[in-house]
Each structure stands twice: as structure tokens, then as C-alpha cells.
Amino acid sequence: MIQITDSMLGAFASASLYSKEGKGFEATVIAKFFMPFTSAVWLVTEAERQKDGDWIFFGYCHILEWEWGYFTLSEIAELELHGITAEVDYELPEGQTVDDCLKSFFFER
């Protein structure tokens, strides 16, 4: 189960949708979701709470390939593959950019 912390809520509030437009790989990552034992990862750069309480995010994601896009917290939370569910990377260093995260994956774009 994905637990959103108070610090994550603060980061979400300071990075509304479209607030980092044009920054691309230099945008600061405010949250990282991943599925253990898979290559699935979501690097969140922008967030906005929806009227129904869900969160819509924008960021750089990998399922089969890397791409920029929109996704919701409920979509990530509903994913399940052979009992494996998505998790939050609570160890994400503050202030990392998308580029920094990719380098930490031993990956240069």
C-alpha cells in the first residue's frame, strides 16, 4: 500500500501541474514510485489534487520504455503483478533532478 507522507504532501503542494514546464530533465523530482523486481518507475515532477481526492501527476516514467506523461496515484496504487505492488522510494534524496535519478540507475540518456 502506498503511504503519502506529510513531507510528500508539502512537495506536491509546491509543484503544481505545469509549474516546471520547459525544465525537462532538469526538473526536480518530488516523489518516486516503483515496482520491486520490475523496471517500472515513475519520477514525479508535478502534482495536483483532484476534486475526488486522487492525485494527478506529471513526470518521467518507465514501464516498457521511458516517456513523459500524466498518471494518477490511484492508477499506480491499483497495479499488481504476481502479488507485487507499487511502492514509494522514501530514500529519494531531496532536490534530485530527473537527470540525477537516471544517473543513479546507471543510465545516461
PDB file of N, CA and C in Angstrom:
ATOM      1  N   MET A   1       0.834  -1.179   0.000  1.00  0.00           N
ATOM      2  CA  MET A   1       0.000   0.000   0.000  1.00  0.00           C
ATOM      3  C   MET A   1       0.884   1.250   0.000  1.00  0.00           C
ATOM      4  N   ILE A   2       0.531   2.203  -0.790  1.00  0.00           N
ATOM      5  CA  ILE A   2       1.299   3.438  -0.896  1.00  0.00           C
ATOM      6  C   ILE A   2       0.862   4.399   0.210  1.00  0.00           C
ATOM      7  N   GLN A   3       1.818   4.825   1.021  1.00  0.00           N
ATOM      8  CA  GLN A   3       1.562   5.798   2.082  1.00  0.00           C
ATOM      9  C   GLN A   3       2.166   7.138   1.681  1.00  0.00           C
ATOM     10  N   ILE A   4       1.349   8.154   1.560  1.00  0.00           N
ATOM     11  CA  ILE A   4       1.819   9.501   1.236  1.00  0.00           C
ATOM     12  C   ILE A   4       2.134  10.215   2.551  1.00  0.00           C
ATOM     13  N   THR A   5       3.383  10.648   2.703  1.00  0.00           N
ATOM     14  CA  THR A   5       3.821  11.303   3.936  1.00  0.00           C
ATOM     15  C   THR A   5       3.500  12.799   3.905  1.00  0.00           C
ATOM     16  N   ASP A   6       3.586  13.418   5.067  1.00  0.00           N
ATOM     17  CA  ASP A   6       3.376  14.867   5.151  1.00  0.00           C
ATOM     18  C   ASP A   6       4.406  15.621   4.319  1.00  0.00           C
ATOM     19  N   SER A   7       5.650  15.144   4.316  1.00  0.00           N
ATOM     20  CA  SER A   7       6.678  15.826   3.511  1.00  0.00           C
ATOM     21  C   SER A   7       6.378  15.703   2.019  1.00  0.00           C
ATOM     22  N   MET A   8       5.818  14.566   1.609  1.00  0.00           N
ATOM     23  CA  MET A   8       5.424  14.409   0.208  1.00  0.00           C
ATOM     24  C   MET A   8       4.286  15.368  -0.122  1.00  0.00           C
ATOM     25  N   LEU A   9       3.319  15.498   0.779  1.00  0.00           N
ATOM     26  CA  LEU A   9       2.203  16.425   0.552  1.00  0.00           C
ATOM     27  C   LEU A   9       2.712  17.850   0.397  1.00  0.00           C
ATOM     28  N   GLY A  10       3.699  18.220   1.198  1.00  0.00           N
ATOM     29  CA  GLY A  10       4.299  19.545   1.079  1.00  0.00           C
ATOM     30  C   GLY A  10       4.978  19.738  -0.260  1.00  0.00           C
ATOM     31  N   ALA A  11       5.696  18.700  -0.713  1.00  0.00           N
ATOM     32  CA  ALA A  11       6.359  18.770  -2.021  1.00  0.00           C
ATOM     33  C   ALA A  11       5.328  18.856  -3.139  1.00  0.00           C
ATOM     34  N   PHE A  12       4.249  18.089  -3.026  1.00  0.00           N
ATOM     35  CA  PHE A  12       3.195  18.131  -4.043  1.00  0.00           C
ATOM     36  C   PHE A  12       2.593  19.534  -4.125  1.00  0.00           C
ATOM     37  N   ALA A  13       2.363  20.146  -2.968  1.00  0.00           N
ATOM     38  CA  ALA A  13       1.743  21.476  -2.932  1.00  0.00           C
ATOM     39  C   ALA A  13       2.629  22.539  -3.581  1.00  0.00           C
ATOM     40  N   SER A  14       3.938  22.328  -3.543  1.00  0.00           N
ATOM     41  CA  SER A  14       4.861  23.329  -4.104  1.00  0.00           C
ATOM     42  C   SER A  14       5.208  23.066  -5.567  1.00  0.00           C
ATOM     43  N   ALA A  15       4.623  22.039  -6.154  1.00  0.00           N
ATOM     44  CA  ALA A  15       4.949  21.682  -7.543  1.00  0.00           C
ATOM     45  C   ALA A  15       3.672  21.371  -8.319  1.00  0.00           C
ATOM     46  N   SER A  16       2.813  22.358  -8.468  1.00  0.00           N
ATOM     47  CA  SER A  16       1.544  22.148  -9.164  1.00  0.00           C
ATOM     48  C   SER A  16       1.778  21.821 -10.641  1.00  0.00           C
ATOM     49  N   LEU A  17       0.743  21.287 -11.276  1.00  0.00           N
ATOM     50  CA  LEU A  17       0.842  20.952 -12.701  1.00  0.00           C
ATOM     51  C   LEU A  17       1.260  22.176 -13.500  1.00  0.00           C
ATOM     52  N   TYR A  18       2.120  21.973 -14.441  1.00  0.00           N
ATOM     53  CA  TYR A  18       2.660  22.984 -15.366  1.00  0.00           C
ATOM     54  C   TYR A  18       3.665  23.932 -14.712  1.00  0.00           C
ATOM     55  N   SER A  19       3.962  23.761 -13.426  1.00  0.00           N
ATOM     56  CA  SER A  19       4.883  24.669 -12.743  1.00  0.00           C
ATOM     57  C   SER A  19       6.332  24.478 -13.178  1.00  0.00           C
ATOM     58  N   LYS A  20       6.647  23.331 -13.755  1.00  0.00           N
ATOM     59  CA  LYS A  20       8.024  23.063 -14.178  1.00  0.00           C
ATOM     60  C   LYS A  20       8.128  22.911 -15.690  1.00  0.00           C
ATOM     61  N   GLU A  21       7.126  23.427 -16.372  1.00  0.00           N
ATOM     62  CA  GLU A  21       7.092  23.329 -17.831  1.00  0.00           C
ATOM     63  C   GLU A  21       8.370  23.900 -18.431  1.00  0.00           C
ATOM     64  N   GLY A  22       8.958  23.150 -19.340  1.00  0.00           N
ATOM     65  CA  GLY A  22      10.167  23.584 -20.027  1.00  0.00           C
ATOM     66  C   GLY A  22      11.458  23.175 -19.340  1.00  0.00           C
ATOM     67  N   LYS A  23      11.389  22.655 -18.117  1.00  0.00           N
ATOM     68  CA  LYS A  23      12.611  22.263 -17.409  1.00  0.00           C
ATOM     69  C   LYS A  23      13.112  20.888 -17.833  1.00  0.00           C
ATOM     70  N   GLY A  24      12.222  20.049 -18.343  1.00  0.00           N
ATOM     71  CA  GLY A  24      12.620  18.734 -18.828  1.00  0.00           C
ATOM     72  C   GLY A  24      13.410  17.938 -17.799  1.00  0.00           C
ATOM     73  N   PHE A  25      14.566  17.446 -18.204  1.00  0.00           N
ATOM     74  CA  PHE A  25      15.374  16.576 -17.357  1.00  0.00           C
ATOM     75  C   PHE A  25      15.990  17.308 -16.168  1.00  0.00           C
ATOM     76  N   GLU A  26      15.909  18.627 -16.154  1.00  0.00           N
ATOM     77  CA  GLU A  26      16.417  19.418 -15.024  1.00  0.00           C
ATOM     78  C   GLU A  26      15.328  19.698 -13.982  1.00  0.00           C
ATOM     79  N   ALA A  27      14.112  19.201 -14.215  1.00  0.00           N
ATOM     80  CA  ALA A  27      13.027  19.366 -13.240  1.00  0.00           C
ATOM     81  C   ALA A  27      13.336  18.552 -11.986  1.00  0.00           C
ATOM     82  N   THR A  28      13.007  19.102 -10.844  1.00  0.00           N
ATOM     83  CA  THR A  28      13.215  18.408  -9.572  1.00  0.00           C
ATOM     84  C   THR A  28      12.163  17.316  -9.401  1.00  0.00           C
ATOM     85  N   VAL A  29      12.622  16.147  -8.976  1.00  0.00           N
ATOM     86  CA  VAL A  29      11.731  15.013  -8.720  1.00  0.00           C
ATOM     87  C   VAL A  29      11.191  15.156  -7.298  1.00  0.00           C
ATOM     88  N   ILE A  30       9.872  15.184  -7.156  1.00  0.00           N
ATOM     89  CA  ILE A  30       9.256  15.369  -5.843  1.00  0.00           C
ATOM     90  C   ILE A  30       8.799  14.050  -5.223  1.00  0.00           C
ATOM     91  N   ALA A  31       8.735  12.992  -6.012  1.00  0.00           N
ATOM     92  CA  ALA A  31       8.402  11.664  -5.498  1.00  0.00           C
ATOM     93  C   ALA A  31       8.819  10.630  -6.532  1.00  0.00           C
ATOM     94  N   LYS A  32       9.110   9.440  -6.036  1.00  0.00           N
ATOM     95  CA  LYS A  32       9.460   8.327  -6.928  1.00  0.00           C
ATOM     96  C   LYS A  32       8.664   7.108  -6.485  1.00  0.00           C
ATOM     97  N   PHE A  33       7.942   6.530  -7.428  1.00  0.00           N
ATOM     98  CA  PHE A  33       7.227   5.283  -7.216  1.00  0.00           C
ATOM     99  C   PHE A  33       7.898   4.215  -8.063  1.00  0.00           C
ATOM    100  N   PHE A  34       7.877   2.969  -7.594  1.00  0.00           N
ATOM    101  CA  PHE A  34       8.487   1.881  -8.354  1.00  0.00           C
ATOM    102  C   PHE A  34       7.812   0.566  -7.996  1.00  0.00           C
ATOM    103  N   MET A  35       7.977  -0.422  -8.865  1.00  0.00           N
ATOM    104  CA  MET A  35       7.510  -1.773  -8.580  1.00  0.00           C
ATOM    105  C   MET A  35       8.738  -2.648  -8.405  1.00  0.00           C
ATOM    106  N   PRO A  36       8.946  -3.181  -7.202  1.00  0.00           N
ATOM    107  CA  PRO A  36      10.116  -4.024  -6.959  1.00  0.00           C
ATOM    108  C   PRO A  36      10.177  -5.190  -7.943  1.00  0.00           C
ATOM    109  N   PHE A  37      11.397  -5.551  -8.290  1.00  0.00           N
ATOM    110  CA  PHE A  37      11.679  -6.690  -9.170  1.00  0.00           C
ATOM    111  C   PHE A  37      11.207  -6.477 -10.604  1.00  0.00           C
ATOM    112  N   THR A  38      10.869  -5.231 -10.943  1.00  0.00           N
ATOM    113  CA  THR A  38      10.499  -4.893 -12.317  1.00  0.00           C
ATOM    114  C   THR A  38      11.263  -3.636 -12.706  1.00  0.00           C
ATOM    115  N   SER A  39      11.121  -3.222 -13.945  1.00  0.00           N
ATOM    116  CA  SER A  39      11.761  -1.977 -14.393  1.00  0.00           C
ATOM    117  C   SER A  39      10.809  -0.782 -14.301  1.00  0.00           C
ATOM    118  N   ALA A  40       9.626  -0.977 -13.741  1.00  0.00           N
ATOM    119  CA  ALA A  40       8.624   0.092 -13.677  1.00  0.00           C
ATOM    120  C   ALA A  40       9.009   1.135 -12.632  1.00  0.00           C
ATOM    121  N   VAL A  41       9.045   2.400 -13.074  1.00  0.00           N
ATOM    122  CA  VAL A  41       9.369   3.511 -12.172  1.00  0.00           C
ATOM    123  C   VAL A  41       8.666   4.772 -12.661  1.00  0.00           C
ATOM    124  N   TRP A  42       8.227   5.593 -11.715  1.00  0.00           N
ATOM    125  CA  TRP A  42       7.567   6.860 -12.023  1.00  0.00           C
ATOM    126  C   TRP A  42       8.290   7.952 -11.251  1.00  0.00           C
ATOM    127  N   LEU A  43       8.882   8.911 -11.955  1.00  0.00           N
ATOM    128  CA  LEU A  43       9.562  10.045 -11.337  1.00  0.00           C
ATOM    129  C   LEU A  43       8.619  11.239 -11.424  1.00  0.00           C
ATOM    130  N   VAL A  44       8.037  11.628 -10.328  1.00  0.00           N
ATOM    131  CA  VAL A  44       7.025  12.685 -10.288  1.00  0.00           C
ATOM    132  C   VAL A  44       7.703  14.051 -10.216  1.00  0.00           C
ATOM    133  N   THR A  45       7.338  14.942 -11.132  1.00  0.00           N
ATOM    134  CA  THR A  45       7.873  16.305 -11.108  1.00  0.00           C
ATOM    135  C   THR A  45       6.802  17.353 -10.809  1.00  0.00           C
ATOM    136  N   GLU A  46       5.538  17.010 -11.021  1.00  0.00           N
ATOM    137  CA  GLU A  46       4.426  17.939 -10.778  1.00  0.00           C
ATOM    138  C   GLU A  46       3.241  17.153 -10.221  1.00  0.00           C
ATOM    139  N   ALA A  47       2.428  17.806  -9.392  1.00  0.00           N
ATOM    140  CA  ALA A  47       1.295  17.114  -8.770  1.00  0.00           C
ATOM    141  C   ALA A  47       0.144  18.080  -8.523  1.00  0.00           C
ATOM    142  N   GLU A  48      -1.061  17.519  -8.560  1.00  0.00           N
ATOM    143  CA  GLU A  48      -2.240  18.336  -8.250  1.00  0.00           C
ATOM    144  C   GLU A  48      -3.338  17.427  -7.714  1.00  0.00           C
ATOM    145  N   ARG A  49      -3.904  17.811  -6.582  1.00  0.00           N
ATOM    146  CA  ARG A  49      -5.007  17.032  -6.006  1.00  0.00           C
ATOM    147  C   ARG A  49      -6.268  17.266  -6.831  1.00  0.00           C
ATOM    148  N   GLN A  50      -6.986  16.180  -7.082  1.00  0.00           N
ATOM    149  CA  GLN A  50      -8.231  16.243  -7.834  1.00  0.00           C
ATOM    150  C   GLN A  50      -9.416  16.416  -6.882  1.00  0.00           C
ATOM    151  N   LYS A  51     -10.549  16.809  -7.422  1.00  0.00           N
ATOM    152  CA  LYS A  51     -11.750  17.020  -6.603  1.00  0.00           C
ATOM    153  C   LYS A  51     -12.161  15.758  -5.852  1.00  0.00           C
ATOM    154  N   ASP A  52     -11.873  14.587  -6.432  1.00  0.00           N
ATOM    155  CA  ASP A  52     -12.243  13.325  -5.793  1.00  0.00           C
ATOM    156  C   ASP A  52     -11.213  12.866  -4.759  1.00  0.00           C
ATOM    157  N   GLY A  53     -10.161  13.662  -4.526  1.00  0.00           N
ATOM    158  CA  GLY A  53      -9.139  13.324  -3.543  1.00  0.00           C
ATOM    159  C   GLY A  53      -7.929  12.620  -4.118  1.00  0.00           C
ATOM    160  N   ASP A  54      -8.045  12.114  -5.334  1.00  0.00           N
ATOM    161  CA  ASP A  54      -6.917  11.459  -6.000  1.00  0.00           C
ATOM    162  C   ASP A  54      -5.877  12.522  -6.378  1.00  0.00           C
ATOM    163  N   TRP A  55      -4.704  12.081  -6.718  1.00  0.00           N
ATOM    164  CA  TRP A  55      -3.650  12.981  -7.191  1.00  0.00           C
ATOM    165  C   TRP A  55      -3.351  12.683  -8.646  1.00  0.00           C
ATOM    166  N   ILE A  56      -3.225  13.719  -9.463  1.00  0.00           N
ATOM    167  CA  ILE A  56      -2.740  13.553 -10.829  1.00  0.00           C
ATOM    168  C   ILE A  56      -1.309  14.077 -10.838  1.00  0.00           C
ATOM    169  N   PHE A  57      -0.434  13.301 -11.468  1.00  0.00           N
ATOM    170  CA  PHE A  57       0.983  13.631 -11.522  1.00  0.00           C
ATOM    171  C   PHE A  57       1.429  13.801 -12.963  1.00  0.00           C
ATOM    172  N   PHE A  58       2.521  14.520 -13.139  1.00  0.00           N
ATOM    173  CA  PHE A  58       3.239  14.560 -14.403  1.00  0.00           C
ATOM    174  C   PHE A  58       4.673  14.199 -14.074  1.00  0.00           C
ATOM    175  N   GLY A  59       5.283  13.421 -14.948  1.00  0.00           N
ATOM    176  CA  GLY A  59       6.671  13.056 -14.715  1.00  0.00           C
ATOM    177  C   GLY A  59       7.215  12.150 -15.792  1.00  0.00           C
ATOM    178  N   TYR A  60       8.404  11.633 -15.512  1.00  0.00           N
ATOM    179  CA  TYR A  60       9.128  10.763 -16.436  1.00  0.00           C
ATOM    180  C   TYR A  60       8.969   9.339 -15.925  1.00  0.00           C
ATOM    181  N   CYS A  61       8.463   8.456 -16.772  1.00  0.00           N
ATOM    182  CA  CYS A  61       8.059   7.120 -16.346  1.00  0.00           C
ATOM    183  C   CYS A  61       8.682   6.040 -17.215  1.00  0.00           C
ATOM    184  N   HIS A  62       8.826   4.862 -16.617  1.00  0.00           N
ATOM    185  CA  HIS A  62       9.292   3.705 -17.371  1.00  0.00           C
ATOM    186  C   HIS A  62       8.414   2.506 -17.055  1.00  0.00           C
ATOM    187  N   ILE A  63       7.778   1.976 -18.073  1.00  0.00           N
ATOM    188  CA  ILE A  63       7.106   0.685 -17.989  1.00  0.00           C
ATOM    189  C   ILE A  63       7.825  -0.224 -18.984  1.00  0.00           C
ATOM    190  N   LEU A  64       7.648   0.031 -20.256  1.00  0.00           N
ATOM    191  CA  LEU A  64       8.399  -0.681 -21.294  1.00  0.00           C
ATOM    192  C   LEU A  64       9.495   0.192 -21.880  1.00  0.00           C
ATOM    193  N   GLU A  65       9.279   1.508 -21.815  1.00  0.00           N
ATOM    194  CA  GLU A  65      10.280   2.473 -22.280  1.00  0.00           C
ATOM    195  C   GLU A  65      10.065   3.776 -21.524  1.00  0.00           C
ATOM    196  N   TRP A  66      11.069   4.642 -21.530  1.00  0.00           N
ATOM    197  CA  TRP A  66      10.960   5.927 -20.841  1.00  0.00           C
ATOM    198  C   TRP A  66      10.116   6.897 -21.650  1.00  0.00           C
ATOM    199  N   GLU A  67       9.224   7.619 -20.949  1.00  0.00           N
ATOM    200  CA  GLU A  67       8.423   8.653 -21.601  1.00  0.00           C
ATOM    201  C   GLU A  67       7.865   9.616 -20.557  1.00  0.00           C
ATOM    202  N   TRP A  68       7.599  10.843 -21.000  1.00  0.00           N
ATOM    203  CA  TRP A  68       6.947  11.847 -20.167  1.00  0.00           C
ATOM    204  C   TRP A  68       5.443  11.638 -20.247  1.00  0.00           C
ATOM    205  N   GLY A  69       4.750  11.833 -19.132  1.00  0.00           N
ATOM    206  CA  GLY A  69       3.307  11.693 -19.192  1.00  0.00           C
ATOM    207  C   GLY A  69       2.606  11.961 -17.880  1.00  0.00           C
ATOM    208  N   TYR A  70       1.278  11.872 -17.944  1.00  0.00           N
ATOM    209  CA  TYR A  70       0.408  12.074 -16.790  1.00  0.00           C
ATOM    210  C   TYR A  70      -0.043  10.722 -16.266  1.00  0.00           C
ATOM    211  N   PHE A  71      -0.197  10.621 -14.959  1.00  0.00           N
ATOM    212  CA  PHE A  71      -0.667   9.395 -14.319  1.00  0.00           C
ATOM    213  C   PHE A  71      -1.243   9.786 -12.964  1.00  0.00           C
ATOM    214  N   THR A  72      -2.066   8.920 -12.406  1.00  0.00           N
ATOM    215  CA  THR A  72      -2.688   9.230 -11.119  1.00  0.00           C
ATOM    216  C   THR A  72      -2.173   8.290 -10.032  1.00  0.00           C
ATOM    217  N   LEU A  73      -2.308   8.741  -8.809  1.00  0.00           N
ATOM    218  CA  LEU A  73      -1.923   7.910  -7.673  1.00  0.00           C
ATOM    219  C   LEU A  73      -2.758   6.635  -7.653  1.00  0.00           C
ATOM    220  N   SER A  74      -4.048   6.751  -7.944  1.00  0.00           N
ATOM    221  CA  SER A  74      -4.912   5.563  -7.924  1.00  0.00           C
ATOM    222  C   SER A  74      -4.486   4.542  -8.979  1.00  0.00           C
ATOM    223  N   GLU A  75      -4.035   5.006 -10.143  1.00  0.00           N
ATOM    224  CA  GLU A  75      -3.557   4.076 -11.177  1.00  0.00           C
ATOM    225  C   GLU A  75      -2.345   3.294 -10.686  1.00  0.00           C
ATOM    226  N   ILE A  76      -1.423   3.993 -10.050  1.00  0.00           N
ATOM    227  CA  ILE A  76      -0.219   3.323  -9.545  1.00  0.00           C
ATOM    228  C   ILE A  76      -0.586   2.369  -8.411  1.00  0.00           C
ATOM    229  N   ALA A  77      -1.455   2.819  -7.505  1.00  0.00           N
ATOM    230  CA  ALA A  77      -1.840   2.010  -6.349  1.00  0.00           C
ATOM    231  C   ALA A  77      -2.578   0.734  -6.752  1.00  0.00           C
ATOM    232  N   GLU A  78      -3.271   0.753  -7.885  1.00  0.00           N
ATOM    233  CA  GLU A  78      -4.037  -0.414  -8.336  1.00  0.00           C
ATOM    234  C   GLU A  78      -3.182  -1.460  -9.040  1.00  0.00           C
ATOM    235  N   LEU A  79      -1.963  -1.107  -9.416  1.00  0.00           N
ATOM    236  CA  LEU A  79      -1.116  -2.052 -10.137  1.00  0.00           C
ATOM    237  C   LEU A  79      -0.720  -3.217  -9.242  1.00  0.00           C
ATOM    238  N   GLU A  80      -0.736  -4.412  -9.818  1.00  0.00           N
ATOM    239  CA  GLU A  80      -0.355  -5.612  -9.090  1.00  0.00           C
ATOM    240  C   GLU A  80       0.122  -6.634 -10.110  1.00  0.00           C
ATOM    241  N   LEU A  81       1.281  -7.200  -9.874  1.00  0.00           N
ATOM    242  CA  LEU A  81       1.854  -8.197 -10.772  1.00  0.00           C
ATOM    243  C   LEU A  81       2.372  -9.348  -9.927  1.00  0.00           C
ATOM    244  N   HIS A  82       1.665 -10.470  -9.953  1.00  0.00           N
ATOM    245  CA  HIS A  82       2.048 -11.650  -9.171  1.00  0.00           C
ATOM    246  C   HIS A  82       2.266 -11.298  -7.704  1.00  0.00           C
ATOM    247  N   GLY A  83       1.385 -10.479  -7.159  1.00  0.00           N
ATOM    248  CA  GLY A  83       1.463 -10.103  -5.753  1.00  0.00           C
ATOM    249  C   GLY A  83       2.363  -8.917  -5.454  1.00  0.00           C
ATOM    250  N   ILE A  84       3.064  -8.414  -6.461  1.00  0.00           N
ATOM    251  CA  ILE A  84       3.954  -7.269  -6.274  1.00  0.00           C
ATOM    252  C   ILE A  84       3.163  -5.999  -6.572  1.00  0.00           C
ATOM    253  N   THR A  85       3.240  -5.044  -5.672  1.00  0.00           N
ATOM    254  CA  THR A  85       2.552  -3.769  -5.859  1.00  0.00           C
ATOM    255  C   THR A  85       3.559  -2.623  -5.843  1.00  0.00           C
ATOM    256  N   ALA A  86       3.124  -1.479  -6.306  1.00  0.00           N
ATOM    257  CA  ALA A  86       3.997  -0.304  -6.364  1.00  0.00           C
ATOM    258  C   ALA A  86       4.311   0.197  -4.956  1.00  0.00           C
ATOM    259  N   GLU A  87       5.488   0.794  -4.831  1.00  0.00           N
ATOM    260  CA  GLU A  87       5.951   1.345  -3.559  1.00  0.00           C
ATOM    261  C   GLU A  87       6.476   2.753  -3.777  1.00  0.00           C
ATOM    262  N   VAL A  88       6.645   3.470  -2.677  1.00  0.00           N
ATOM    263  CA  VAL A  88       7.261   4.796  -2.691  1.00  0.00           C
ATOM    264  C   VAL A  88       8.724   4.630  -2.305  1.00  0.00           C
ATOM    265  N   ASP A  89       9.609   5.348  -2.991  1.00  0.00           N
ATOM    266  CA  ASP A  89      11.016   5.384  -2.592  1.00  0.00           C
ATOM    267  C   ASP A  89      11.163   6.486  -1.547  1.00  0.00           C
ATOM    268  N   TYR A  90      11.094   6.098  -0.277  1.00  0.00           N
ATOM    269  CA  TYR A  90      11.198   7.070   0.807  1.00  0.00           C
ATOM    270  C   TYR A  90      12.639   7.546   1.003  1.00  0.00           C
ATOM    271  N   GLU A  91      13.589   6.929   0.312  1.00  0.00           N
ATOM    272  CA  GLU A  91      15.005   7.300   0.416  1.00  0.00           C
ATOM    273  C   GLU A  91      15.434   8.264  -0.685  1.00  0.00           C
ATOM    274  N   LEU A  92      14.507   8.735  -1.495  1.00  0.00           N
ATOM    275  CA  LEU A  92      14.834   9.660  -2.581  1.00  0.00           C
ATOM    276  C   LEU A  92      15.475  10.916  -2.004  1.00  0.00           C
ATOM    277  N   PRO A  93      16.725  11.225  -2.399  1.00  0.00           N
ATOM    278  CA  PRO A  93      17.372  12.436  -1.882  1.00  0.00           C
ATOM    279  C   PRO A  93      16.633  13.692  -2.342  1.00  0.00           C
ATOM    280  N   GLU A  94      16.462  14.625  -1.436  1.00  0.00           N
ATOM    281  CA  GLU A  94      15.767  15.872  -1.744  1.00  0.00           C
ATOM    282  C   GLU A  94      16.560  16.675  -2.770  1.00  0.00           C
ATOM    283  N   GLY A  95      15.847  17.277  -3.708  1.00  0.00           N
ATOM    284  CA  GLY A  95      16.472  18.156  -4.689  1.00  0.00           C
ATOM    285  C   GLY A  95      17.022  17.472  -5.921  1.00  0.00           C
ATOM    286  N   GLN A  96      16.856  16.152  -6.041  1.00  0.00           N
ATOM    287  CA  GLN A  96      17.354  15.456  -7.229  1.00  0.00           C
ATOM    288  C   GLN A  96      16.534  15.826  -8.454  1.00  0.00           C
ATOM    289  N   THR A  97      17.227  15.978  -9.576  1.00  0.00           N
ATOM    290  CA  THR A  97      16.551  16.215 -10.847  1.00  0.00           C
ATOM    291  C   THR A  97      16.263  14.871 -11.513  1.00  0.00           C
ATOM    292  N   VAL A  98      15.499  14.916 -12.582  1.00  0.00           N
ATOM    293  CA  VAL A  98      15.256  13.698 -13.356  1.00  0.00           C
ATOM    294  C   VAL A  98      16.592  13.139 -13.832  1.00  0.00           C
ATOM    295  N   ASP A  99      17.474  14.004 -14.335  1.00  0.00           N
ATOM    296  CA  ASP A  99      18.804  13.564 -14.778  1.00  0.00           C
ATOM    297  C   ASP A  99      19.565  12.863 -13.658  1.00  0.00           C
ATOM    298  N   ASP A 100      19.548  13.432 -12.454  1.00  0.00           N
ATOM    299  CA  ASP A 100      20.232  12.818 -11.312  1.00  0.00           C
ATOM    300  C   ASP A 100      19.694  11.414 -11.048  1.00  0.00           C
ATOM    301  N   CYS A 101      18.380  11.265 -11.087  1.00  0.00           N
ATOM    302  CA  CYS A 101      17.768   9.956 -10.853  1.00  0.00           C
ATOM    303  C   CYS A 101      18.192   8.957 -11.914  1.00  0.00           C
ATOM    304  N   LEU A 102      18.191   9.383 -13.166  1.00  0.00           N
ATOM    305  CA  LEU A 102      18.591   8.477 -14.243  1.00  0.00           C
ATOM    306  C   LEU A 102      20.037   8.037 -14.063  1.00  0.00           C
ATOM    307  N   LYS A 103      20.905   8.952 -13.662  1.00  0.00           N
ATOM    308  CA  LYS A 103      22.308   8.592 -13.417  1.00  0.00           C
ATOM    309  C   LYS A 103      22.422   7.599 -12.268  1.00  0.00           C
ATOM    310  N   SER A 104      21.560   7.729 -11.267  1.00  0.00           N
ATOM    311  CA  SER A 104      21.605   6.792 -10.142  1.00  0.00           C
ATOM    312  C   SER A 104      21.140   5.394 -10.549  1.00  0.00           C
ATOM    313  N   PHE A 105      20.443   5.296 -11.671  1.00  0.00           N
ATOM    314  CA  PHE A 105      20.035   3.993 -12.210  1.00  0.00           C
ATOM    315  C   PHE A 105      21.123   3.425 -13.115  1.00  0.00           C
ATOM    316  N   PHE A 106      22.305   4.056 -13.135  1.00  0.00           N
ATOM    317  CA  PHE A 106      23.406   3.677 -14.028  1.00  0.00           C
ATOM    318  C   PHE A 106      22.984   3.827 -15.479  1.00  0.00           C
ATOM    319  N   PHE A 107      22.257   4.893 -15.745  1.00  0.00           N
ATOM    320  CA  PHE A 107      21.687   5.110 -17.070  1.00  0.00           C
ATOM    321  C   PHE A 107      21.966   6.540 -17.492  1.00  0.00           C
ATOM    322  N   GLU A 108      22.513   6.712 -18.653  1.00  0.00           N
ATOM    323  CA  GLU A 108      22.696   8.048 -19.220  1.00  0.00           C
ATOM    324  C   GLU A 108      21.750   8.152 -20.405  1.00  0.00           C
ATOM    325  N   ARG A 109      20.957   9.209 -20.435  1.00  0.00           N
ATOM    326  CA  ARG A 109      20.002   9.338 -21.534  1.00  0.00           C
ATOM    327  C   ARG A 109      20.695   9.767 -22.800  1.00  0.00           C
TER     328      ARG A 109
END
